[in-house]
Amino acid sequence: MDILDSISKEEIQNEVQDFSAGDTIKVHFNYREAEKTRTQIFQGIVLQKKGSRNNKTFTVRKISHGVSVERIFPLHSPQIKKIEIVRAGKAKKAKFFHIRKMKGSKI
């Protein structure tokens, strides 16, 4: 266990803000196209957080041009530059999968 702890401590980012399911966030991450690297922003609602130690992931859902897009991000990835909380949600559940069935202004 000591070896796993030492490796995971090196990879964990300490500057990650605390957010939960139901929050609206902006994820700034580095996106590589051919030889260029640029920062892309993905803004949406957090559906879930799962995992432990350096294997934590979170799922973000957004609606782009009428099409729902979900993306899973590793929390401690070096490609993620920053995570901004746009709006805190009032969540009573840890998983927000019921949002997938909602339409229109109910979201």
C-alpha atoms as a PDB file:
ATOM      1  CA  MET A   1       0.000   0.000   0.000  1.00  0.00           C
ATOM      2  CA  ASP A   2       2.879   2.402   0.647  1.00  0.00           C
ATOM      3  CA  ILE A   3       3.999   2.248  -2.975  1.00  0.00           C
ATOM      4  CA  LEU A   4       0.495   3.008  -4.261  1.00  0.00           C
ATOM      5  CA  ASP A   5       0.139   5.912  -1.834  1.00  0.00           C
ATOM      6  CA  SER A   6       3.466   7.439  -2.852  1.00  0.00           C
ATOM      7  CA  ILE A   7       2.660   7.214  -6.569  1.00  0.00           C
ATOM      8  CA  SER A   8      -0.853   8.596  -6.143  1.00  0.00           C
ATOM      9  CA  LYS A   9       0.361  11.566  -4.055  1.00  0.00           C
ATOM     10  CA  GLU A  10       2.617  12.654  -6.924  1.00  0.00           C
ATOM     11  CA  GLU A  11      -0.268  12.647  -9.422  1.00  0.00           C
ATOM     12  CA  ILE A  12      -2.948  14.317  -7.287  1.00  0.00           C
ATOM     13  CA  GLN A  13      -3.588  18.015  -7.895  1.00  0.00           C
ATOM     14  CA  ASN A  14      -4.190  19.946  -4.680  1.00  0.00           C
ATOM     15  CA  GLU A  15      -5.834  23.006  -6.285  1.00  0.00           C
ATOM     16  CA  VAL A  16      -9.078  21.222  -7.261  1.00  0.00           C
ATOM     17  CA  GLN A  17     -12.196  23.062  -6.072  1.00  0.00           C
ATOM     18  CA  ASP A  18     -14.827  21.148  -4.173  1.00  0.00           C
ATOM     19  CA  PHE A  19     -17.956  20.626  -6.279  1.00  0.00           C
ATOM     20  CA  SER A  20     -20.745  18.086  -6.226  1.00  0.00           C
ATOM     21  CA  ALA A  21     -23.533  16.675  -8.376  1.00  0.00           C
ATOM     22  CA  GLY A  22     -25.987  19.321  -9.536  1.00  0.00           C
ATOM     23  CA  ASP A  23     -23.438  22.132  -9.772  1.00  0.00           C
ATOM     24  CA  THR A  24     -22.908  23.969 -13.050  1.00  0.00           C
ATOM     25  CA  ILE A  25     -19.191  24.134 -13.806  1.00  0.00           C
ATOM     26  CA  LYS A  26     -16.744  25.204 -16.497  1.00  0.00           C
ATOM     27  CA  VAL A  27     -13.890  22.790 -17.202  1.00  0.00           C
ATOM     28  CA  HIS A  28     -10.864  24.353 -18.915  1.00  0.00           C
ATOM     29  CA  PHE A  29      -8.794  21.595 -20.500  1.00  0.00           C
ATOM     30  CA  ASN A  30      -5.989  21.375 -23.015  1.00  0.00           C
ATOM     31  CA  TYR A  31      -7.058  19.997 -26.360  1.00  0.00           C
ATOM     32  CA  ARG A  32      -4.447  18.870 -28.861  1.00  0.00           C
ATOM     33  CA  GLU A  33      -5.044  19.235 -32.596  1.00  0.00           C
ATOM     34  CA  ALA A  34      -2.185  17.977 -34.761  1.00  0.00           C
ATOM     35  CA  GLU A  35       0.737  20.105 -33.524  1.00  0.00           C
ATOM     36  CA  LYS A  36      -1.229  22.850 -31.756  1.00  0.00           C
ATOM     37  CA  THR A  37      -2.451  22.771 -28.186  1.00  0.00           C
ATOM     38  CA  ARG A  38      -5.326  25.017 -27.177  1.00  0.00           C
ATOM     39  CA  THR A  39      -7.634  25.416 -24.207  1.00  0.00           C
ATOM     40  CA  GLN A  40     -11.251  24.381 -24.648  1.00  0.00           C
ATOM     41  CA  ILE A  41     -14.055  25.166 -22.184  1.00  0.00           C
ATOM     42  CA  PHE A  42     -16.775  22.616 -21.466  1.00  0.00           C
ATOM     43  CA  GLN A  43     -19.639  24.073 -19.406  1.00  0.00           C
ATOM     44  CA  GLY A  44     -22.437  21.922 -18.046  1.00  0.00           C
ATOM     45  CA  ILE A  45     -24.092  20.236 -15.082  1.00  0.00           C
ATOM     46  CA  VAL A  46     -22.191  17.677 -13.012  1.00  0.00           C
ATOM     47  CA  LEU A  47     -24.069  14.366 -13.090  1.00  0.00           C
ATOM     48  CA  GLN A  48     -21.812  12.332 -10.841  1.00  0.00           C
ATOM     49  CA  LYS A  49     -18.449  11.992  -9.163  1.00  0.00           C
ATOM     50  CA  LYS A  50     -16.964   8.578  -8.594  1.00  0.00           C
ATOM     51  CA  GLY A  51     -13.727   6.773  -7.848  1.00  0.00           C
ATOM     52  CA  SER A  52     -11.094   7.041  -5.151  1.00  0.00           C
ATOM     53  CA  ARG A  53      -7.574   8.412  -4.724  1.00  0.00           C
ATOM     54  CA  ASN A  54      -6.148   9.428  -8.094  1.00  0.00           C
ATOM     55  CA  ASN A  55      -8.803   7.468 -10.046  1.00  0.00           C
ATOM     56  CA  LYS A  56     -11.583   9.992  -9.399  1.00  0.00           C
ATOM     57  CA  THR A  57     -13.712  10.964 -12.370  1.00  0.00           C
ATOM     58  CA  PHE A  58     -16.688  13.244 -12.887  1.00  0.00           C
ATOM     59  CA  THR A  59     -19.335  13.374 -15.604  1.00  0.00           C
ATOM     60  CA  VAL A  60     -20.516  16.687 -17.074  1.00  0.00           C
ATOM     61  CA  ARG A  61     -23.578  17.086 -19.317  1.00  0.00           C
ATOM     62  CA  LYS A  62     -24.334  20.018 -21.598  1.00  0.00           C
ATOM     63  CA  ILE A  63     -26.785  20.751 -24.388  1.00  0.00           C
ATOM     64  CA  SER A  64     -25.130  21.990 -27.568  1.00  0.00           C
ATOM     65  CA  HIS A  65     -27.350  23.034 -30.500  1.00  0.00           C
ATOM     66  CA  GLY A  66     -30.214  20.877 -29.186  1.00  0.00           C
ATOM     67  CA  VAL A  67     -28.059  17.769 -28.746  1.00  0.00           C
ATOM     68  CA  SER A  68     -27.080  16.510 -25.288  1.00  0.00           C
ATOM     69  CA  VAL A  69     -23.379  15.829 -24.824  1.00  0.00           C
ATOM     70  CA  GLU A  70     -21.886  14.021 -21.834  1.00  0.00           C
ATOM     71  CA  ARG A  71     -18.198  13.862 -21.126  1.00  0.00           C
ATOM     72  CA  ILE A  72     -16.247  12.031 -18.435  1.00  0.00           C
ATOM     73  CA  PHE A  73     -13.173  13.820 -17.084  1.00  0.00           C
ATOM     74  CA  PRO A  74     -10.467  12.387 -14.825  1.00  0.00           C
ATOM     75  CA  LEU A  75     -10.294  14.735 -11.833  1.00  0.00           C
ATOM     76  CA  HIS A  76      -6.511  14.773 -11.450  1.00  0.00           C
ATOM     77  CA  SER A  77      -5.627  14.870 -15.140  1.00  0.00           C
ATOM     78  CA  PRO A  78      -2.727  17.121 -16.190  1.00  0.00           C
ATOM     79  CA  GLN A  79      -4.845  18.224 -19.190  1.00  0.00           C
ATOM     80  CA  ILE A  80      -7.353  19.989 -16.920  1.00  0.00           C
ATOM     81  CA  LYS A  81      -6.114  23.526 -16.314  1.00  0.00           C
ATOM     82  CA  LYS A  82      -8.888  24.745 -14.042  1.00  0.00           C
ATOM     83  CA  ILE A  83     -12.417  24.056 -12.867  1.00  0.00           C
ATOM     84  CA  GLU A  84     -14.751  27.010 -12.224  1.00  0.00           C
ATOM     85  CA  ILE A  85     -18.024  26.725 -10.359  1.00  0.00           C
ATOM     86  CA  VAL A  86     -20.588  28.851 -12.210  1.00  0.00           C
ATOM     87  CA  ARG A  87     -23.589  27.995 -10.040  1.00  0.00           C
ATOM     88  CA  ALA A  88     -23.963  25.749  -7.012  1.00  0.00           C
ATOM     89  CA  GLY A  89     -26.901  23.375  -7.194  1.00  0.00           C
ATOM     90  CA  LYS A  90     -29.217  22.288  -4.406  1.00  0.00           C
ATOM     91  CA  ALA A  91     -28.774  18.540  -4.724  1.00  0.00           C
ATOM     92  CA  LYS A  92     -30.465  15.923  -2.608  1.00  0.00           C
ATOM     93  CA  LYS A  93     -28.902  13.057  -4.521  1.00  0.00           C
ATOM     94  CA  ALA A  94     -25.336  12.022  -5.323  1.00  0.00           C
ATOM     95  CA  LYS A  95     -26.170  11.020  -8.895  1.00  0.00           C
ATOM     96  CA  PHE A  96     -28.193  13.270 -11.212  1.00  0.00           C
ATOM     97  CA  PHE A  97     -29.149  10.786 -13.918  1.00  0.00           C
ATOM     98  CA  HIS A  98     -32.823  11.848 -13.825  1.00  0.00           C
ATOM     99  CA  ILE A  99     -31.775  15.021 -15.717  1.00  0.00           C
ATOM    100  CA  ARG A 100     -31.378  12.892 -18.853  1.00  0.00           C
ATOM    101  CA  LYS A 101     -35.175  12.522 -19.052  1.00  0.00           C
ATOM    102  CA  MET A 102     -35.954  16.214 -18.503  1.00  0.00           C
ATOM    103  CA  LYS A 103     -36.595  18.613 -21.369  1.00  0.00           C
ATOM    104  CA  GLY A 104     -36.958  22.358 -21.820  1.00  0.00           C
ATOM    105  CA  SER A 105     -36.996  24.723 -18.879  1.00  0.00           C
ATOM    106  CA  LYS A 106     -37.174  21.925 -16.283  1.00  0.00           C
ATOM    107  CA  ILE A 107     -33.420  21.453 -16.578  1.00  0.00           C
END
